[in-house]
N, C-alpha and C. Protein backbone atom coordinates (compact mmCIF):
# COMPACT_ATOMS: atom_id res chain seq x y z
N MET A 1 -29.48 57.54 -22.18
CA MET A 1 -29.31 58.88 -21.70
C MET A 1 -30.28 59.01 -20.66
N LYS A 2 -30.02 59.96 -19.67
CA LYS A 2 -30.82 60.33 -18.63
C LYS A 2 -31.38 61.67 -18.67
N VAL A 3 -32.52 62.06 -18.04
CA VAL A 3 -33.08 63.34 -17.81
C VAL A 3 -31.87 64.47 -17.33
N ALA A 4 -31.61 65.54 -17.95
CA ALA A 4 -30.66 66.50 -17.57
C ALA A 4 -29.32 66.08 -18.02
N ASP A 5 -28.97 65.09 -18.66
CA ASP A 5 -27.68 64.81 -19.44
C ASP A 5 -27.42 65.70 -20.42
N HIS A 6 -26.31 66.12 -20.74
CA HIS A 6 -26.00 66.79 -21.92
C HIS A 6 -25.72 65.80 -23.00
N VAL A 7 -26.33 65.88 -24.21
CA VAL A 7 -26.16 64.85 -25.15
C VAL A 7 -25.84 65.73 -26.55
N ARG A 8 -24.87 65.19 -27.21
CA ARG A 8 -24.49 65.87 -28.57
C ARG A 8 -24.67 64.79 -29.61
N TRP A 9 -25.68 65.34 -30.54
CA TRP A 9 -25.99 64.50 -31.66
C TRP A 9 -25.14 65.00 -32.91
N TYR A 10 -24.39 64.13 -33.62
CA TYR A 10 -23.58 64.59 -34.94
C TYR A 10 -24.57 63.82 -36.02
N LEU A 11 -25.01 64.59 -36.86
CA LEU A 11 -25.77 64.25 -38.05
C LEU A 11 -25.06 64.53 -39.35
N MET A 12 -25.13 63.64 -40.25
CA MET A 12 -24.60 63.94 -41.58
C MET A 12 -25.28 63.20 -42.69
N ALA A 13 -25.33 63.91 -43.75
CA ALA A 13 -26.08 63.35 -44.91
C ALA A 13 -24.93 62.90 -45.94
N THR A 14 -25.12 61.64 -46.21
CA THR A 14 -24.13 61.08 -47.23
C THR A 14 -24.77 60.36 -48.30
N SER A 15 -26.04 60.67 -48.46
CA SER A 15 -26.93 59.90 -49.52
C SER A 15 -27.14 60.58 -50.77
N ASN A 16 -26.59 60.39 -51.72
CA ASN A 16 -26.89 60.80 -53.15
C ASN A 16 -27.64 62.14 -53.51
N PHE A 17 -26.97 63.13 -52.75
CA PHE A 17 -27.57 64.48 -52.97
C PHE A 17 -29.01 64.68 -52.64
N GLU A 18 -29.43 64.19 -51.44
CA GLU A 18 -30.80 64.41 -51.11
C GLU A 18 -30.81 65.11 -49.68
N LEU A 19 -31.89 65.81 -49.41
CA LEU A 19 -32.19 66.54 -48.28
C LEU A 19 -32.60 65.67 -47.26
N HIS A 20 -32.58 65.88 -46.04
CA HIS A 20 -33.13 65.31 -44.92
C HIS A 20 -33.74 66.26 -43.78
N ALA A 21 -34.55 65.84 -43.11
CA ALA A 21 -35.33 66.64 -42.04
C ALA A 21 -35.34 65.76 -40.88
N PRO A 22 -34.34 65.70 -39.98
CA PRO A 22 -34.22 64.90 -38.85
C PRO A 22 -35.18 65.40 -37.77
N HIS A 23 -36.05 64.65 -37.13
CA HIS A 23 -37.05 65.06 -36.26
C HIS A 23 -36.98 64.12 -34.98
N TRP A 24 -36.87 64.94 -33.89
CA TRP A 24 -37.01 64.23 -32.46
C TRP A 24 -38.19 64.42 -31.83
N HIS A 25 -38.75 63.27 -31.49
CA HIS A 25 -39.93 63.24 -30.89
C HIS A 25 -39.77 63.43 -29.33
N GLY A 26 -40.55 64.06 -28.35
CA GLY A 26 -40.45 64.07 -27.09
C GLY A 26 -39.50 65.08 -26.41
N ASN A 27 -38.55 65.57 -27.11
CA ASN A 27 -37.57 66.58 -26.55
C ASN A 27 -37.20 67.45 -27.77
N THR A 28 -36.38 68.49 -27.21
CA THR A 28 -35.88 69.31 -28.26
C THR A 28 -34.42 69.37 -28.32
N VAL A 29 -33.90 69.98 -29.35
CA VAL A 29 -32.27 70.16 -29.45
C VAL A 29 -32.15 71.57 -29.72
N VAL A 30 -30.70 71.95 -29.50
CA VAL A 30 -30.31 73.37 -29.85
C VAL A 30 -29.47 73.23 -31.09
N ILE A 31 -29.70 73.87 -32.32
CA ILE A 31 -28.84 73.93 -33.35
C ILE A 31 -28.58 75.35 -33.71
N GLN A 32 -27.39 75.62 -33.79
CA GLN A 32 -27.08 77.17 -34.15
C GLN A 32 -27.86 78.18 -33.19
N HIS A 33 -27.82 77.95 -32.06
CA HIS A 33 -28.44 78.86 -30.88
C HIS A 33 -29.98 78.75 -30.97
N MET A 34 -30.65 77.96 -31.79
CA MET A 34 -32.11 77.75 -31.90
C MET A 34 -32.68 76.47 -31.34
N ARG A 35 -33.75 76.58 -30.52
CA ARG A 35 -34.19 75.43 -29.93
C ARG A 35 -35.33 74.94 -30.97
N THR A 36 -35.32 73.63 -31.34
CA THR A 36 -36.26 72.98 -32.38
C THR A 36 -36.38 71.47 -31.89
N ASP A 37 -37.14 71.06 -32.65
CA ASP A 37 -37.36 69.42 -32.72
C ASP A 37 -37.21 68.83 -34.08
N VAL A 38 -36.92 69.87 -35.03
CA VAL A 38 -36.83 69.27 -36.46
C VAL A 38 -35.87 70.24 -37.17
N ALA A 39 -34.87 69.64 -37.99
CA ALA A 39 -33.76 70.40 -38.47
C ALA A 39 -33.73 70.13 -40.13
N THR A 40 -33.09 70.92 -40.79
CA THR A 40 -32.80 70.87 -42.19
C THR A 40 -31.39 70.35 -42.36
N LEU A 41 -31.10 69.21 -43.09
CA LEU A 41 -29.77 68.75 -43.26
C LEU A 41 -29.65 68.80 -44.77
N LEU A 42 -28.80 69.48 -45.10
CA LEU A 42 -28.54 69.91 -46.55
C LEU A 42 -27.77 68.69 -47.16
N THR A 43 -27.88 68.74 -48.51
CA THR A 43 -27.15 67.69 -49.30
C THR A 43 -25.68 67.63 -48.78
N MET A 44 -25.03 66.38 -48.44
CA MET A 44 -23.72 66.15 -48.05
C MET A 44 -23.35 67.05 -46.98
N GLY A 45 -24.39 67.62 -46.03
CA GLY A 45 -24.10 68.41 -45.03
C GLY A 45 -23.95 67.80 -43.60
N MET A 46 -23.47 68.48 -42.69
CA MET A 46 -23.25 68.02 -41.38
C MET A 46 -23.84 69.03 -40.27
N LEU A 47 -24.36 68.69 -39.19
CA LEU A 47 -24.93 69.44 -38.25
C LEU A 47 -24.57 68.82 -36.81
N VAL A 48 -24.44 69.79 -35.81
CA VAL A 48 -24.39 69.36 -34.46
C VAL A 48 -25.61 69.75 -33.73
N ALA A 49 -26.18 68.83 -32.95
CA ALA A 49 -27.51 69.30 -32.21
C ALA A 49 -27.29 68.85 -30.76
N ASP A 50 -27.50 69.79 -29.92
CA ASP A 50 -27.23 69.54 -28.31
C ASP A 50 -28.59 69.43 -27.78
N MET A 51 -28.64 68.36 -27.09
CA MET A 51 -29.95 67.91 -26.34
C MET A 51 -29.60 67.96 -24.72
N VAL A 52 -30.61 68.55 -24.02
CA VAL A 52 -30.69 68.25 -22.48
C VAL A 52 -32.04 67.74 -22.13
N PRO A 53 -32.16 66.43 -22.25
CA PRO A 53 -33.57 65.87 -22.25
C PRO A 53 -34.24 66.11 -20.87
N ASP A 54 -35.49 66.63 -21.08
CA ASP A 54 -36.35 66.72 -19.81
C ASP A 54 -37.59 65.81 -19.70
N ASN A 55 -37.89 65.11 -20.77
CA ASN A 55 -39.07 64.22 -20.89
C ASN A 55 -38.73 62.79 -20.96
N PRO A 56 -38.80 62.10 -19.91
CA PRO A 56 -38.32 60.59 -19.99
C PRO A 56 -39.34 59.81 -20.79
N GLY A 57 -38.78 58.63 -21.31
CA GLY A 57 -39.59 57.84 -22.13
C GLY A 57 -38.71 57.30 -23.41
N THR A 58 -39.41 56.46 -24.28
CA THR A 58 -38.79 55.97 -25.42
C THR A 58 -39.53 56.83 -26.63
N TRP A 59 -38.64 57.29 -27.42
CA TRP A 59 -39.11 58.25 -28.44
C TRP A 59 -38.58 58.00 -29.82
N LEU A 60 -39.28 58.48 -30.74
CA LEU A 60 -38.85 58.21 -32.15
C LEU A 60 -38.07 59.48 -32.75
N PHE A 61 -36.94 58.93 -33.41
CA PHE A 61 -36.17 59.95 -34.18
C PHE A 61 -36.19 59.41 -35.65
N HIS A 62 -36.62 60.31 -36.49
CA HIS A 62 -36.79 59.83 -37.76
C HIS A 62 -36.63 61.09 -38.71
N CYS A 63 -36.25 60.78 -40.03
CA CYS A 63 -36.34 61.65 -41.19
C CYS A 63 -37.83 61.95 -41.76
N HIS A 64 -38.17 63.22 -41.87
CA HIS A 64 -39.51 63.61 -42.24
C HIS A 64 -39.75 63.52 -43.69
N VAL A 65 -38.75 63.28 -44.60
CA VAL A 65 -38.79 63.16 -45.98
C VAL A 65 -39.57 61.72 -46.19
N ALA A 66 -40.71 61.74 -46.74
CA ALA A 66 -41.64 60.56 -46.72
C ALA A 66 -40.85 59.39 -47.34
N PRO A 67 -40.07 59.28 -48.56
CA PRO A 67 -39.59 58.12 -48.91
C PRO A 67 -38.51 57.71 -48.00
N HIS A 68 -37.69 58.38 -47.35
CA HIS A 68 -36.71 58.10 -46.25
C HIS A 68 -37.47 57.34 -45.16
N LEU A 69 -38.56 57.92 -44.71
CA LEU A 69 -39.22 57.34 -43.54
C LEU A 69 -39.74 56.00 -44.02
N ARG A 70 -40.36 55.82 -45.18
CA ARG A 70 -40.82 54.61 -45.69
C ARG A 70 -39.75 53.53 -45.80
N GLY A 71 -38.64 54.04 -46.16
CA GLY A 71 -37.45 53.22 -46.32
C GLY A 71 -36.68 52.80 -45.07
N GLY A 72 -37.18 53.31 -43.84
CA GLY A 72 -36.67 52.84 -42.67
C GLY A 72 -35.76 53.87 -41.99
N MET A 73 -35.69 54.96 -42.35
CA MET A 73 -34.63 55.77 -41.68
C MET A 73 -35.35 56.47 -40.68
N GLN A 74 -35.28 55.75 -39.45
CA GLN A 74 -36.00 55.85 -38.14
C GLN A 74 -35.29 55.13 -37.04
N ALA A 75 -35.29 55.60 -35.91
CA ALA A 75 -34.90 54.79 -34.70
C ALA A 75 -35.54 55.35 -33.46
N LEU A 76 -35.34 54.59 -32.24
CA LEU A 76 -35.89 54.88 -31.03
C LEU A 76 -34.71 55.24 -30.25
N TYR A 77 -34.84 56.41 -29.36
CA TYR A 77 -33.90 56.75 -28.39
C TYR A 77 -34.79 56.73 -27.05
N THR A 78 -34.13 56.38 -25.90
CA THR A 78 -34.61 56.32 -24.70
C THR A 78 -34.06 57.36 -23.63
N VAL A 79 -34.83 57.95 -23.01
CA VAL A 79 -34.44 58.91 -21.99
C VAL A 79 -34.93 58.29 -20.53
N GLU A 80 -34.06 57.90 -19.64
CA GLU A 80 -34.39 57.50 -18.46
C GLU A 80 -34.61 58.54 -17.45
N ALA A 81 -35.36 58.34 -16.45
CA ALA A 81 -35.67 59.34 -15.39
C ALA A 81 -34.38 59.28 -14.58
N LYS A 82 -34.09 60.48 -13.98
CA LYS A 82 -33.04 60.74 -13.06
C LYS A 82 -33.33 60.06 -11.88
N ALA A 83 -32.32 59.23 -11.34
CA ALA A 83 -32.58 58.55 -9.99
C ALA A 83 -32.69 59.55 -9.00
N PRO A 84 -33.58 59.43 -8.07
CA PRO A 84 -33.77 60.13 -7.02
C PRO A 84 -32.46 60.46 -6.00
N SER A 85 -32.27 61.55 -5.72
CA SER A 85 -30.99 61.78 -4.83
C SER A 85 -31.14 61.40 -3.63
N LYS A 86 -30.11 60.78 -2.92
CA LYS A 86 -30.24 60.24 -1.48
C LYS A 86 -30.18 61.54 -0.50
N GLN A 87 -31.05 61.68 0.27
CA GLN A 87 -31.07 62.78 1.27
C GLN A 87 -30.27 62.27 2.45
N THR A 88 -29.35 63.15 2.99
CA THR A 88 -28.60 62.74 4.22
C THR A 88 -29.40 63.48 5.33
N SER A 89 -29.37 62.80 6.56
CA SER A 89 -30.03 63.47 7.74
C SER A 89 -28.86 64.49 8.39
N GLY A 90 -29.25 65.43 8.94
CA GLY A 90 -28.27 66.37 9.42
C GLY A 90 -27.59 65.79 10.64
N ARG A 91 -27.42 64.54 10.83
CA ARG A 91 -26.84 64.05 12.06
C ARG A 91 -25.46 63.81 11.96
């Protein structure tokens, strides 16, 4: 993804009636009209999170529930800087 792209994240919990707390480092998302970087994903639930990243870099995305984090419920996502626009001379 690149800075200023519209990115839609679809999250679902399908693991044995456990709660999850997905957390995006470096950028925020909008869930149900609220801007946040951490969400609550209820048992067997689903949510949609919209992101318009403004902070380039490689960032951690993980579940804040300690046993899930220790178990490897984490990933990296990369936001690339937007390419500079080419300016045209007025000729």
